[in-house]
Amino acid sequence: MDKSKFYEFLKEETGVFFNDVSPNCYIEKDLDIYGDEAEDFLMKFSKEFNVDITSFNFDEHFNSEVDKISLWLSSLFGKEKKKDLTIYDLKNALIKGKLE
């Protein structure tokens, strides 16, 4: 796994600098990547690093393209909680060659 290439990819796609000592970030909650943008991000990640995402369920992890207030309200009123996807999960996908 080429860590520097991975961190450069994250910086280009998110505008945030990461390295080995960076805290683990949530893709949706911390980086505000959701909906179509999340799908585009993971498609680029998959292509760039040859990671299989065919069995990854976007709907289990990401909310649709709505504003932050709507996301906050839906979290308050019991909408189905999404599974968090993190930078650590992406690192593991690089090692395994697959994101599930």
N, C-alpha and C. Protein backbone atom coordinates (compact mmCIF):
# COMPACT_ATOMS: atom_id res chain seq x y z
N MET A 1 0.85 -1.19 0.00
CA MET A 1 0.00 0.00 0.00
C MET A 1 0.89 1.24 0.00
N ASP A 2 0.67 2.12 -0.94
CA ASP A 2 1.42 3.37 -1.03
C ASP A 2 0.66 4.43 -0.22
N LYS A 3 1.09 4.60 1.03
CA LYS A 3 0.39 5.53 1.94
C LYS A 3 0.42 6.96 1.42
N SER A 4 1.55 7.39 0.89
CA SER A 4 1.65 8.78 0.43
C SER A 4 0.66 9.05 -0.70
N LYS A 5 0.51 8.09 -1.60
CA LYS A 5 -0.46 8.25 -2.69
C LYS A 5 -1.89 8.30 -2.14
N PHE A 6 -2.18 7.46 -1.14
CA PHE A 6 -3.50 7.45 -0.51
C PHE A 6 -3.79 8.79 0.16
N TYR A 7 -2.82 9.30 0.93
CA TYR A 7 -3.03 10.58 1.61
C TYR A 7 -3.14 11.74 0.63
N GLU A 8 -2.39 11.68 -0.46
CA GLU A 8 -2.50 12.72 -1.49
C GLU A 8 -3.88 12.68 -2.14
N PHE A 9 -4.38 11.49 -2.40
CA PHE A 9 -5.73 11.33 -2.95
C PHE A 9 -6.75 11.96 -2.01
N LEU A 10 -6.65 11.65 -0.72
CA LEU A 10 -7.60 12.22 0.25
C LEU A 10 -7.53 13.74 0.27
N LYS A 11 -6.32 14.28 0.22
CA LYS A 11 -6.16 15.74 0.22
C LYS A 11 -6.79 16.35 -1.02
N GLU A 12 -6.57 15.75 -2.17
CA GLU A 12 -7.15 16.27 -3.42
C GLU A 12 -8.68 16.20 -3.39
N GLU A 13 -9.21 15.12 -2.87
CA GLU A 13 -10.67 14.91 -2.90
C GLU A 13 -11.42 15.62 -1.78
N THR A 14 -10.77 15.82 -0.63
CA THR A 14 -11.48 16.39 0.51
C THR A 14 -10.99 17.76 0.93
N GLY A 15 -9.76 18.11 0.50
CA GLY A 15 -9.17 19.37 0.93
C GLY A 15 -8.56 19.29 2.32
N VAL A 16 -8.53 18.08 2.90
CA VAL A 16 -8.01 17.88 4.25
C VAL A 16 -6.72 17.07 4.16
N PHE A 17 -5.71 17.51 4.91
CA PHE A 17 -4.43 16.80 4.94
C PHE A 17 -4.51 15.67 5.96
N PHE A 18 -4.12 14.47 5.55
CA PHE A 18 -4.07 13.30 6.43
C PHE A 18 -2.67 12.71 6.40
N ASN A 19 -2.32 12.04 7.50
CA ASN A 19 -1.10 11.24 7.55
C ASN A 19 -1.32 10.11 8.56
N ASP A 20 -0.27 9.37 8.87
CA ASP A 20 -0.41 8.21 9.77
C ASP A 20 -0.87 8.56 11.17
N VAL A 21 -0.64 9.77 11.62
CA VAL A 21 -1.04 10.15 12.97
C VAL A 21 -2.34 10.95 13.00
N SER A 22 -2.97 11.14 11.86
CA SER A 22 -4.24 11.86 11.81
C SER A 22 -5.32 11.04 12.53
N PRO A 23 -6.24 11.72 13.20
CA PRO A 23 -7.33 10.98 13.82
C PRO A 23 -8.20 10.32 12.76
N ASN A 24 -8.86 9.25 13.15
CA ASN A 24 -9.75 8.55 12.24
C ASN A 24 -10.98 9.43 12.00
N CYS A 25 -11.27 9.76 10.75
CA CYS A 25 -12.40 10.63 10.41
C CYS A 25 -13.52 9.83 9.77
N TYR A 26 -14.73 10.26 10.06
CA TYR A 26 -15.91 9.70 9.40
C TYR A 26 -16.09 10.41 8.06
N ILE A 27 -16.29 9.63 7.02
CA ILE A 27 -16.40 10.21 5.68
C ILE A 27 -17.60 11.16 5.61
N GLU A 28 -18.74 10.72 6.13
CA GLU A 28 -19.95 11.56 6.04
C GLU A 28 -19.97 12.63 7.13
N LYS A 29 -19.85 12.25 8.38
CA LYS A 29 -20.00 13.20 9.49
C LYS A 29 -18.90 14.25 9.55
N ASP A 30 -17.65 13.82 9.40
CA ASP A 30 -16.53 14.75 9.56
C ASP A 30 -16.15 15.47 8.28
N LEU A 31 -16.25 14.77 7.15
CA LEU A 31 -15.81 15.35 5.89
C LEU A 31 -16.96 15.86 5.03
N ASP A 32 -18.19 15.70 5.51
CA ASP A 32 -19.39 16.18 4.80
C ASP A 32 -19.50 15.64 3.38
N ILE A 33 -19.18 14.36 3.24
CA ILE A 33 -19.32 13.71 1.94
C ILE A 33 -20.49 12.74 2.03
N TYR A 34 -21.53 13.00 1.27
CA TYR A 34 -22.71 12.15 1.30
C TYR A 34 -23.40 12.20 -0.05
N GLY A 35 -24.40 11.33 -0.22
CA GLY A 35 -25.18 11.31 -1.46
C GLY A 35 -24.34 10.97 -2.68
N ASP A 36 -24.65 11.64 -3.77
CA ASP A 36 -23.94 11.41 -5.03
C ASP A 36 -22.44 11.70 -4.90
N GLU A 37 -22.12 12.68 -4.08
CA GLU A 37 -20.71 13.03 -3.87
C GLU A 37 -19.95 11.85 -3.24
N ALA A 38 -20.59 11.15 -2.31
CA ALA A 38 -19.97 9.98 -1.68
C ALA A 38 -19.76 8.87 -2.70
N GLU A 39 -20.75 8.67 -3.55
CA GLU A 39 -20.62 7.64 -4.57
C GLU A 39 -19.48 7.98 -5.53
N ASP A 40 -19.41 9.24 -5.96
CA ASP A 40 -18.33 9.68 -6.84
C ASP A 40 -16.96 9.51 -6.17
N PHE A 41 -16.88 9.88 -4.90
CA PHE A 41 -15.64 9.76 -4.14
C PHE A 41 -15.17 8.31 -4.09
N LEU A 42 -16.09 7.39 -3.79
CA LEU A 42 -15.70 5.99 -3.68
C LEU A 42 -15.42 5.35 -5.04
N MET A 43 -16.08 5.83 -6.07
CA MET A 43 -15.77 5.33 -7.42
C MET A 43 -14.35 5.75 -7.80
N LYS A 44 -13.98 7.00 -7.51
CA LYS A 44 -12.61 7.46 -7.79
C LYS A 44 -11.60 6.67 -6.96
N PHE A 45 -11.93 6.46 -5.68
CA PHE A 45 -11.06 5.68 -4.79
C PHE A 45 -10.86 4.28 -5.36
N SER A 46 -11.95 3.66 -5.77
CA SER A 46 -11.90 2.31 -6.33
C SER A 46 -11.01 2.25 -7.57
N LYS A 47 -11.21 3.19 -8.45
CA LYS A 47 -10.44 3.22 -9.70
C LYS A 47 -8.96 3.52 -9.45
N GLU A 48 -8.70 4.50 -8.60
CA GLU A 48 -7.33 4.92 -8.32
C GLU A 48 -6.50 3.81 -7.67
N PHE A 49 -7.14 3.04 -6.78
CA PHE A 49 -6.39 2.06 -6.01
C PHE A 49 -6.79 0.61 -6.30
N ASN A 50 -7.57 0.42 -7.35
CA ASN A 50 -7.99 -0.92 -7.76
C ASN A 50 -8.64 -1.69 -6.60
N VAL A 51 -9.59 -1.03 -5.95
CA VAL A 51 -10.33 -1.62 -4.83
C VAL A 51 -11.72 -1.98 -5.32
N ASP A 52 -12.11 -3.22 -5.10
CA ASP A 52 -13.43 -3.71 -5.50
C ASP A 52 -14.50 -3.15 -4.56
N ILE A 53 -15.47 -2.41 -5.12
CA ILE A 53 -16.56 -1.88 -4.31
C ILE A 53 -17.91 -2.44 -4.76
N THR A 54 -17.90 -3.51 -5.53
CA THR A 54 -19.15 -4.04 -6.08
C THR A 54 -20.11 -4.53 -5.00
N SER A 55 -19.61 -4.98 -3.85
CA SER A 55 -20.51 -5.46 -2.81
C SER A 55 -20.75 -4.40 -1.72
N PHE A 56 -20.22 -3.21 -1.91
CA PHE A 56 -20.42 -2.12 -0.95
C PHE A 56 -21.82 -1.53 -1.13
N ASN A 57 -22.57 -1.43 -0.06
CA ASN A 57 -23.93 -0.90 -0.11
C ASN A 57 -23.91 0.58 0.31
N PHE A 58 -23.99 1.46 -0.67
CA PHE A 58 -23.95 2.91 -0.40
C PHE A 58 -25.08 3.34 0.52
N ASP A 59 -26.27 2.79 0.33
CA ASP A 59 -27.43 3.21 1.11
C ASP A 59 -27.29 2.88 2.60
N GLU A 60 -26.51 1.87 2.94
CA GLU A 60 -26.29 1.53 4.35
C GLU A 60 -25.34 2.51 5.03
N HIS A 61 -24.57 3.24 4.24
CA HIS A 61 -23.53 4.10 4.81
C HIS A 61 -23.76 5.59 4.62
N PHE A 62 -24.49 5.98 3.58
CA PHE A 62 -24.60 7.40 3.26
C PHE A 62 -26.04 7.86 3.11
N ASN A 63 -26.27 9.07 3.60
CA ASN A 63 -27.56 9.72 3.39
C ASN A 63 -27.59 10.31 1.99
N SER A 64 -28.79 10.57 1.52
CA SER A 64 -28.93 11.18 0.20
C SER A 64 -28.51 12.64 0.25
N GLU A 65 -28.47 13.27 -0.90
CA GLU A 65 -28.06 14.67 -1.00
C GLU A 65 -29.14 15.57 -0.42
N VAL A 66 -28.96 15.93 0.82
CA VAL A 66 -29.85 16.88 1.48
C VAL A 66 -28.98 17.84 2.29
N ASP A 67 -29.60 18.90 2.76
CA ASP A 67 -28.82 19.85 3.53
C ASP A 67 -28.54 19.33 4.94
N LYS A 68 -27.59 19.95 5.61
CA LYS A 68 -27.16 19.50 6.94
C LYS A 68 -28.29 19.56 7.97
N ILE A 69 -29.15 20.55 7.86
CA ILE A 69 -30.25 20.66 8.83
C ILE A 69 -31.18 19.47 8.70
N SER A 70 -31.48 19.06 7.48
CA SER A 70 -32.33 17.89 7.27
C SER A 70 -31.66 16.63 7.83
N LEU A 71 -30.36 16.49 7.64
CA LEU A 71 -29.64 15.34 8.20
C LEU A 71 -29.72 15.34 9.72
N TRP A 72 -29.55 16.50 10.32
CA TRP A 72 -29.60 16.62 11.76
C TRP A 72 -31.00 16.27 12.27
N LEU A 73 -32.03 16.80 11.63
CA LEU A 73 -33.40 16.51 12.04
C LEU A 73 -33.74 15.03 11.90
N SER A 74 -33.31 14.43 10.81
CA SER A 74 -33.60 13.01 10.61
C SER A 74 -32.91 12.15 11.67
N SER A 75 -31.72 12.58 12.11
CA SER A 75 -31.03 11.82 13.16
C SER A 75 -31.76 11.95 14.49
N LEU A 76 -32.40 13.07 14.73
CA LEU A 76 -33.15 13.28 15.97
C LEU A 76 -34.43 12.46 16.03
N PHE A 77 -35.06 12.30 14.90
CA PHE A 77 -36.38 11.67 14.88
C PHE A 77 -36.36 10.23 14.41
N GLY A 78 -35.27 9.55 14.71
CA GLY A 78 -35.23 8.11 14.60
C GLY A 78 -35.16 7.50 13.22
N LYS A 79 -34.76 8.26 12.24
CA LYS A 79 -34.54 7.63 10.95
C LYS A 79 -33.46 6.59 11.08
N GLU A 80 -33.47 5.60 10.25
CA GLU A 80 -32.49 4.51 10.33
C GLU A 80 -31.07 5.04 10.37
N LYS A 81 -30.33 4.60 11.38
CA LYS A 81 -28.93 5.03 11.52
C LYS A 81 -28.07 4.36 10.46
N LYS A 82 -27.24 5.15 9.86
CA LYS A 82 -26.32 4.65 8.84
C LYS A 82 -25.07 4.09 9.49
N LYS A 83 -24.46 3.13 8.83
CA LYS A 83 -23.17 2.60 9.28
C LYS A 83 -22.10 3.62 8.91
N ASP A 84 -21.22 3.90 9.84
CA ASP A 84 -20.16 4.88 9.58
C ASP A 84 -19.07 4.27 8.71
N LEU A 85 -18.60 5.05 7.75
CA LEU A 85 -17.44 4.68 6.94
C LEU A 85 -16.34 5.67 7.30
N THR A 86 -15.16 5.15 7.57
CA THR A 86 -14.06 5.98 8.05
C THR A 86 -12.82 5.88 7.16
N ILE A 87 -11.89 6.78 7.42
CA ILE A 87 -10.60 6.72 6.74
C ILE A 87 -9.93 5.38 7.03
N TYR A 88 -10.05 4.91 8.25
CA TYR A 88 -9.49 3.60 8.63
C TYR A 88 -10.09 2.49 7.77
N ASP A 89 -11.40 2.55 7.50
CA ASP A 89 -12.04 1.55 6.64
C ASP A 89 -11.45 1.58 5.23
N LEU A 90 -11.16 2.78 4.74
CA LEU A 90 -10.56 2.89 3.40
C LEU A 90 -9.15 2.30 3.40
N LYS A 91 -8.39 2.54 4.47
CA LYS A 91 -7.05 1.95 4.57
C LYS A 91 -7.14 0.43 4.55
N ASN A 92 -8.08 -0.13 5.29
CA ASN A 92 -8.27 -1.58 5.30
C ASN A 92 -8.65 -2.10 3.92
N ALA A 93 -9.47 -1.34 3.20
CA ALA A 93 -9.88 -1.73 1.85
C ALA A 93 -8.67 -1.78 0.92
N LEU A 94 -7.72 -0.86 1.12
CA LEU A 94 -6.49 -0.87 0.31
C LEU A 94 -5.73 -2.16 0.52
N ILE A 95 -5.67 -2.62 1.76
CA ILE A 95 -4.94 -3.84 2.08
C ILE A 95 -5.66 -5.07 1.53
N LYS A 96 -6.97 -5.11 1.70
CA LYS A 96 -7.77 -6.26 1.27
C LYS A 96 -8.06 -6.26 -0.22
N GLY A 97 -8.06 -5.04 -0.81
CA GLY A 97 -8.43 -4.91 -2.22
C GLY A 97 -9.93 -4.91 -2.43
N LYS A 98 -10.67 -4.73 -1.33
CA LYS A 98 -12.13 -4.79 -1.39
C LYS A 98 -12.74 -3.96 -0.27
N LEU A 99 -13.79 -3.20 -0.59
CA LEU A 99 -14.54 -2.43 0.39
C LEU A 99 -15.92 -3.05 0.52
N GLU A 100 -16.23 -3.49 1.74
CA GLU A 100 -17.53 -4.14 1.97
C GLU A 100 -18.37 -3.33 2.92
